[in-house]
Amino acid sequence: MKNPSSAPITGIIPVMITPFKEDGTIDWAGYEALIEWYIDNGSEALFAVCQSSEMRFLSLEERVELSRFTVRQVAGRIPVVSSGHVSDSIEDQITELTAVADTGADAVILVTNRLAADGEPSATVRATLDRLLSALPHDMPLGLYECPAPYRRLLSDDEMAFCAQSGRFVLSKDVSCDLDTIKRRTALVDGSPLKICNAHAAIAYPAMQVTKAGFCGVMNNFHPDLYRWLQDHGADHPELAAELSTFLVLSAQTEPMGYPKLAKLFHRRLGTFSGTSSRAIPFDIHERYWGTEAVLDHITQGTELFRRKIAATTRTMAA
C-alpha cells in the first residue's frame, strides 16, 4: 500500500518526452533508452505522461501503457509519477486517472486546468477535487500540475491549502513562474506531505534554495545532471553556481523553438533514439526557427564545458 506521508518525491524530475517512429507509433526501444539516459544523468524521479509526453495527443491506451512501461523499466530505482489527466468530463477523468493509478506509479498527478473550465470559480475546483478524491484509491499519493495547456490555471492559496491539509498530495509542479509565489506556497504547505517543485528555468536556482524540492522543468531533457549539481553542490561553489545558473537560464530560452520536437532532435544527436516525430509539433522546426542546429550546438558545447568545470572542481576537492 502506498503512503502519502512516506519519503517525499523531490529533486531533479524530468518531464518525459515520447519518441515516435516515423509511422507515428511509440518507439518503445527509444523510450527505454531515454529512461536509462534520465537515470544515468542524475534524475531523482520521472514525470511520465505529462504535457512534454504529448499526453493530449495520446489515446488512453497509450497513456496507460507509457506509465506502465516507465514503472516497469525503472523497477523501483527512482520514483515515477504519472498524469494523463486530459479529459473534460468528470466521469472520463475518473476513468483515466484510475487507469493510470493501476499502472503502479508512485503518485498520480492531477492537472489543475481539468478541475474547472477557464473562468469558472474556485467552488468548481473544490467540487471537482471532492469528486476525484472520493473516486481515486485513498492510499494513492496524488500531485498537482499547473499545466499551461489548454490554459494555465494557478491554484489559489485556499485551494493549495486544502490540498495540503487533505494529506493526499505529495507534489505540486509549480508553474506560477514567480519566486514570491513559490515562497508563499512553500510556507503554506509546511508541515504537510505536499512539496512545491518549480518548473520554470529562469528561477530554478533560487527556487531550489527556497523549496528544497528540486526542479521539474523541460530543460531536464537536455542536461539534468547540471541541475542536479546546482541543487546538490551549488551552495558550496557560489561563483560556479552563478555562472552555471546563467547558462541554464539562457539555454532554456530555446523552449519556444518547437519543444518537445527540439528535445527529440537533441536526443537524436546524442543517439538516444532516431526519430523526431511529434504529434504536438507536426511542422519542420528547422524551417520555422532559423538557426536551430546552431543553437543546439551551443547548448551541447556549453553543457560539456560546465561538465568539465564541475569535474575539475570535484578533482580539486579530492586532492
Protein backbone atom coordinates (compact mmCIF):
# COMPACT_ATOMS: atom_id res chain seq x y z
CA MET A 1 0.00 0.00 0.00
CA LYS A 2 1.35 3.43 -0.93
CA ASN A 3 1.50 6.06 1.79
CA PRO A 4 1.33 9.81 1.10
CA SER A 5 3.35 10.52 4.24
CA SER A 6 6.31 8.35 3.18
CA ALA A 7 9.56 9.69 1.67
CA PRO A 8 8.87 12.82 -0.39
CA ILE A 9 9.12 12.81 -4.19
CA THR A 10 11.51 15.68 -4.83
CA GLY A 11 14.70 16.57 -6.66
CA ILE A 12 15.54 16.71 -10.34
CA ILE A 13 12.40 15.40 -12.06
CA PRO A 14 12.37 15.36 -15.89
CA VAL A 15 9.07 15.79 -17.68
CA MET A 16 9.42 12.87 -20.06
CA ILE A 17 9.18 13.17 -23.83
CA THR A 18 7.73 10.42 -26.04
CA PRO A 19 9.79 9.22 -29.01
CA PHE A 20 7.72 8.15 -32.02
CA LYS A 21 8.60 6.06 -35.02
CA GLU A 22 8.13 7.50 -38.49
CA ASP A 23 4.77 5.68 -38.74
CA GLY A 24 3.53 7.62 -35.69
CA THR A 25 3.60 4.76 -33.18
CA ILE A 26 5.57 4.94 -29.94
CA ASP A 27 9.22 3.92 -30.23
CA TRP A 28 9.43 1.68 -27.19
CA ALA A 29 13.11 0.80 -27.65
CA GLY A 30 13.91 4.50 -27.89
CA TYR A 31 11.78 5.20 -24.83
CA GLU A 32 13.65 2.56 -22.86
CA ALA A 33 16.97 4.15 -23.83
CA LEU A 34 15.61 7.56 -22.81
CA ILE A 35 14.64 6.29 -19.37
CA GLU A 36 18.16 4.98 -18.85
CA TRP A 37 19.60 8.30 -20.03
CA TYR A 38 17.50 10.18 -17.47
CA ILE A 39 18.67 7.92 -14.67
CA ASP A 40 22.31 7.93 -15.78
CA ASN A 41 22.25 11.73 -15.81
CA GLY A 42 21.17 12.31 -12.24
CA SER A 43 17.37 12.29 -12.30
CA GLU A 44 15.79 11.62 -8.91
CA ALA A 45 12.25 10.89 -10.14
CA LEU A 46 10.47 10.79 -13.50
CA PHE A 47 7.25 12.51 -14.53
CA ALA A 48 5.65 10.26 -17.15
CA VAL A 49 2.59 11.06 -19.28
CA CYS A 50 2.72 14.84 -18.98
CA GLN A 51 2.49 17.71 -21.44
CA SER A 52 6.06 17.05 -22.64
CA SER A 53 4.94 13.47 -23.34
CA GLU A 54 2.27 14.97 -25.65
CA MET A 55 -0.41 13.43 -23.44
CA ARG A 56 -3.24 15.41 -25.05
CA PHE A 57 -2.34 13.73 -28.36
CA LEU A 58 -2.20 10.17 -26.95
CA SER A 59 -5.04 7.69 -26.63
CA LEU A 60 -5.99 6.47 -23.18
CA GLU A 61 -4.40 3.12 -24.03
CA GLU A 62 -1.14 4.83 -24.99
CA ARG A 63 -1.14 6.98 -21.84
CA VAL A 64 -1.68 3.95 -19.64
CA GLU A 65 0.99 1.91 -21.41
CA LEU A 66 3.53 4.74 -21.18
CA SER A 67 3.03 4.88 -17.43
CA ARG A 68 3.14 1.10 -17.05
CA PHE A 69 6.26 0.79 -19.24
CA THR A 70 8.04 3.54 -17.28
CA VAL A 71 7.28 1.91 -13.94
CA ARG A 72 8.42 -1.48 -15.22
CA GLN A 73 11.66 -0.18 -16.74
CA VAL A 74 12.60 1.98 -13.76
CA ALA A 75 11.99 -1.02 -11.48
CA GLY A 76 12.00 0.96 -8.25
CA ARG A 77 15.32 2.74 -8.79
CA ILE A 78 13.66 6.15 -8.52
CA PRO A 79 10.02 7.22 -8.10
CA VAL A 80 7.72 7.53 -11.11
CA VAL A 81 4.77 9.93 -11.15
CA SER A 82 2.22 9.93 -13.97
CA SER A 83 -0.66 12.11 -15.12
CA GLY A 84 -2.52 11.53 -18.39
CA HIS A 85 -5.24 13.81 -16.99
CA VAL A 86 -6.71 15.35 -20.16
CA SER A 87 -10.46 14.74 -20.31
CA ASP A 88 -13.24 17.30 -19.86
CA SER A 89 -15.98 15.28 -18.18
CA ILE A 90 -15.52 14.21 -14.57
CA GLU A 91 -16.54 10.66 -15.43
CA ASP A 92 -13.80 10.38 -18.08
CA GLN A 93 -11.30 11.95 -15.70
CA ILE A 94 -12.05 9.32 -13.07
CA THR A 95 -11.64 6.59 -15.68
CA GLU A 96 -8.27 7.84 -16.95
CA LEU A 97 -6.82 8.65 -13.54
CA THR A 98 -7.90 5.31 -12.08
CA ALA A 99 -6.31 3.53 -15.04
CA VAL A 100 -3.05 5.41 -14.51
CA ALA A 101 -3.16 4.66 -10.77
CA ASP A 102 -3.36 0.97 -11.64
CA THR A 103 -0.03 1.12 -13.52
CA GLY A 104 2.00 1.17 -10.31
CA ALA A 105 3.07 4.82 -10.41
CA ASP A 106 4.26 6.27 -7.12
CA ALA A 107 1.85 9.20 -7.47
CA VAL A 108 -0.92 10.26 -9.85
CA ILE A 109 -0.79 13.89 -10.92
CA LEU A 110 -3.95 15.98 -11.32
CA VAL A 111 -3.88 18.76 -13.92
CA THR A 112 -5.33 21.92 -12.42
CA ASN A 113 -6.97 23.16 -15.63
CA ARG A 114 -9.08 19.99 -15.66
CA LEU A 115 -10.56 20.89 -12.28
CA ALA A 116 -12.59 23.75 -13.75
CA ALA A 117 -13.08 25.39 -17.12
CA ASP A 118 -11.46 28.73 -17.83
CA GLY A 119 -13.39 31.40 -15.95
CA GLU A 120 -15.20 29.03 -13.58
CA PRO A 121 -14.98 29.83 -9.86
CA SER A 122 -13.00 28.23 -7.07
CA ALA A 123 -16.15 26.45 -5.92
CA THR A 124 -15.97 24.34 -9.10
CA VAL A 125 -12.37 23.42 -8.37
CA ARG A 126 -13.31 22.28 -4.87
CA ALA A 127 -16.29 20.28 -6.13
CA THR A 128 -14.15 18.52 -8.75
CA LEU A 129 -11.44 17.80 -6.20
CA ASP A 130 -14.04 16.32 -3.85
CA ARG A 131 -15.29 14.01 -6.61
CA LEU A 132 -11.80 12.91 -7.64
CA LEU A 133 -10.54 12.38 -4.09
CA SER A 134 -13.56 10.23 -3.34
CA ALA A 135 -13.18 8.17 -6.52
CA LEU A 136 -9.41 7.57 -6.53
CA PRO A 137 -7.76 4.97 -4.25
CA HIS A 138 -7.29 6.55 -0.85
CA ASP A 139 -3.80 5.06 -0.50
CA MET A 140 -2.64 6.54 -3.82
CA PRO A 141 -0.43 9.63 -3.35
CA LEU A 142 -1.52 12.48 -5.57
CA GLY A 143 0.11 15.50 -7.14
CA LEU A 144 -0.81 18.76 -8.85
CA TYR A 145 0.36 20.18 -12.17
CA GLU A 146 -0.47 23.72 -13.30
CA CYS A 147 -0.15 22.64 -16.93
CA PRO A 148 -0.17 25.66 -19.29
CA ALA A 149 -2.25 23.89 -21.96
CA PRO A 150 -5.01 24.24 -22.94
CA TYR A 151 -4.90 27.09 -20.42
CA ARG A 152 -2.91 27.77 -17.24
CA ARG A 153 -4.92 27.65 -14.03
CA LEU A 154 -2.90 28.65 -10.98
CA LEU A 155 -4.30 27.40 -7.70
CA SER A 156 -5.36 29.98 -5.15
CA ASP A 157 -3.83 29.94 -1.68
CA ASP A 158 -7.06 28.47 -0.31
CA GLU A 159 -7.06 25.69 -2.91
CA MET A 160 -3.41 24.90 -2.27
CA ALA A 161 -4.02 24.86 1.48
CA PHE A 162 -6.96 22.50 1.03
CA CYS A 163 -4.79 20.07 -0.95
CA ALA A 164 -2.00 20.27 1.62
CA GLN A 165 -4.34 19.76 4.57
CA SER A 166 -6.01 16.77 2.91
CA GLY A 167 -2.81 14.76 3.38
CA ARG A 168 -3.38 13.17 -0.03
CA PHE A 169 -0.94 15.30 -2.07
CA VAL A 170 2.83 14.89 -2.17
CA LEU A 171 4.00 17.02 -5.11
CA SER A 172 2.99 20.21 -6.89
CA LYS A 173 4.68 21.06 -10.20
CA ASP A 174 4.58 24.82 -9.81
CA VAL A 175 4.08 26.84 -12.99
CA SER A 176 3.48 30.21 -11.33
CA CYS A 177 6.89 31.30 -12.73
CA ASP A 178 7.11 33.69 -9.78
CA LEU A 179 9.58 33.33 -6.92
CA ASP A 180 7.44 35.26 -4.42
CA THR A 181 4.51 32.93 -5.14
CA ILE A 182 6.75 29.92 -4.63
CA LYS A 183 7.98 31.31 -1.31
CA ARG A 184 4.40 31.89 -0.15
CA ARG A 185 3.25 28.44 -1.25
CA THR A 186 6.24 26.74 0.37
CA ALA A 187 5.32 28.34 3.68
CA LEU A 188 1.66 27.48 3.12
CA VAL A 189 2.27 23.73 2.75
CA ASP A 190 4.88 23.50 5.50
CA GLY A 191 4.21 20.54 7.78
CA SER A 192 2.19 18.64 5.16
CA PRO A 193 3.35 15.90 2.76
CA LEU A 194 2.93 18.34 -0.16
CA LYS A 195 6.16 19.71 -1.67
CA ILE A 196 6.41 22.58 -4.16
CA CYS A 197 8.66 21.80 -7.14
CA ASN A 198 9.30 24.70 -9.50
CA ALA A 199 9.10 24.16 -13.27
CA HIS A 200 10.45 27.49 -14.53
CA ALA A 201 14.13 27.51 -15.54
CA ALA A 202 14.53 31.29 -15.15
CA ILE A 203 14.15 30.96 -11.37
CA ALA A 204 15.38 27.38 -10.99
CA TYR A 205 18.32 28.00 -8.67
CA PRO A 206 16.72 30.44 -6.22
CA ALA A 207 13.56 28.31 -6.18
CA MET A 208 15.62 25.23 -5.31
CA GLN A 209 17.06 27.12 -2.37
CA VAL A 210 13.60 28.10 -1.16
CA THR A 211 11.66 24.86 -1.62
CA LYS A 212 14.42 22.26 -1.12
CA ALA A 213 12.28 20.24 -3.56
CA GLY A 214 14.33 20.38 -6.78
CA PHE A 215 13.37 21.27 -10.34
CA CYS A 216 10.75 19.80 -12.69
CA GLY A 217 11.25 21.73 -15.91
CA VAL A 218 11.55 20.85 -19.58
CA MET A 219 15.30 21.50 -19.69
CA ASN A 220 15.83 18.35 -17.65
CA ASN A 221 15.51 16.77 -21.10
CA PHE A 222 18.83 18.38 -22.05
CA HIS A 223 21.13 18.44 -19.02
CA PRO A 224 19.53 17.13 -15.82
CA ASP A 225 22.98 16.44 -14.38
CA LEU A 226 23.77 20.17 -14.39
CA TYR A 227 20.60 20.95 -12.46
CA ARG A 228 21.46 18.10 -10.09
CA TRP A 229 24.92 19.56 -9.40
CA LEU A 230 23.42 23.02 -8.91
CA GLN A 231 20.94 21.59 -6.41
CA ASP A 232 23.43 19.41 -4.52
CA HIS A 233 26.64 21.46 -4.64
CA GLY A 234 25.84 24.98 -5.82
CA ALA A 235 25.89 26.47 -2.33
CA ASP A 236 29.46 25.23 -1.82
CA HIS A 237 30.67 26.81 -5.07
CA PRO A 238 28.80 30.13 -5.39
CA GLU A 239 30.82 31.56 -8.29
CA LEU A 240 30.49 28.45 -10.46
CA ALA A 241 26.85 28.11 -9.42
CA ALA A 242 26.09 31.67 -10.56
CA GLU A 243 27.87 31.09 -13.88
CA LEU A 244 26.09 27.79 -14.44
CA SER A 245 22.73 29.23 -13.48
CA THR A 246 23.12 31.94 -16.13
CA PHE A 247 23.92 29.33 -18.79
CA LEU A 248 20.90 27.24 -17.80
CA VAL A 249 18.55 30.24 -17.91
CA LEU A 250 19.77 31.26 -21.36
CA SER A 251 19.61 27.69 -22.70
CA ALA A 252 16.01 27.45 -21.55
CA GLN A 253 15.02 30.35 -23.81
CA THR A 254 15.03 27.81 -26.67
CA GLU A 255 11.84 26.16 -25.36
CA PRO A 256 9.59 28.15 -27.77
CA MET A 257 11.62 26.77 -30.71
CA GLY A 258 9.33 23.80 -31.27
CA TYR A 259 9.65 21.91 -27.99
CA PRO A 260 9.21 18.94 -27.48
CA LYS A 261 10.41 18.25 -31.04
CA LEU A 262 13.50 20.33 -30.19
CA ALA A 263 14.34 17.92 -27.36
CA LYS A 264 13.82 14.96 -29.68
CA LEU A 265 16.25 16.47 -32.18
CA PHE A 266 18.73 16.91 -29.32
CA HIS A 267 18.37 13.24 -28.37
CA ARG A 268 18.74 12.11 -31.95
CA ARG A 269 22.07 13.94 -31.97
CA LEU A 270 23.00 12.12 -28.74
CA GLY A 271 21.95 8.78 -30.24
CA THR A 272 19.30 8.08 -27.62
CA PHE A 273 16.74 7.39 -30.36
CA SER A 274 16.48 8.11 -34.06
CA GLY A 275 13.11 9.76 -34.67
CA THR A 276 11.99 13.35 -34.14
CA SER A 277 8.30 12.92 -34.99
CA SER A 278 5.89 14.83 -32.79
CA ARG A 279 2.10 14.85 -32.70
CA ALA A 280 2.08 18.19 -30.89
CA ILE A 281 4.60 19.84 -33.27
CA PRO A 282 3.88 18.37 -36.71
CA PHE A 283 5.83 21.02 -38.67
CA ASP A 284 9.55 21.20 -39.55
CA ILE A 285 11.15 23.29 -36.79
CA HIS A 286 14.20 23.98 -38.97
CA GLU A 287 12.01 25.89 -41.41
CA ARG A 288 10.16 27.89 -38.75
CA TYR A 289 13.03 28.57 -36.34
CA TRP A 290 16.20 29.64 -38.12
CA GLY A 291 19.49 28.54 -36.62
CA THR A 292 18.04 25.53 -34.77
CA GLU A 293 21.11 23.34 -35.28
CA ALA A 294 23.49 26.15 -34.33
CA VAL A 295 21.55 26.77 -31.12
CA LEU A 296 21.73 23.08 -30.22
CA ASP A 297 25.45 23.15 -30.98
CA HIS A 298 25.91 25.90 -28.40
CA ILE A 299 23.78 24.09 -25.80
CA THR A 300 25.87 20.95 -26.35
CA GLN A 301 29.16 22.84 -26.14
CA GLY A 302 28.08 24.76 -23.06
CA THR A 303 26.85 21.62 -21.35
CA GLU A 304 30.19 19.88 -21.93
CA LEU A 305 32.08 22.98 -20.79
CA PHE A 306 30.27 23.04 -17.46
CA ARG A 307 30.66 19.30 -17.03
CA ARG A 308 34.41 19.81 -17.33
CA LYS A 309 34.33 22.69 -14.84
CA ILE A 310 32.36 20.58 -12.38
CA ALA A 311 34.75 17.65 -12.83
CA ALA A 312 37.71 19.98 -12.18
CA THR A 313 36.05 21.24 -9.02
CA THR A 314 35.50 17.66 -7.88
CA ARG A 315 39.16 16.79 -8.52
CA THR A 316 40.30 19.86 -6.61
CA MET A 317 38.20 18.93 -3.61
CA ALA A 318 39.53 15.36 -3.67
CA ALA A 319 43.18 16.48 -3.83
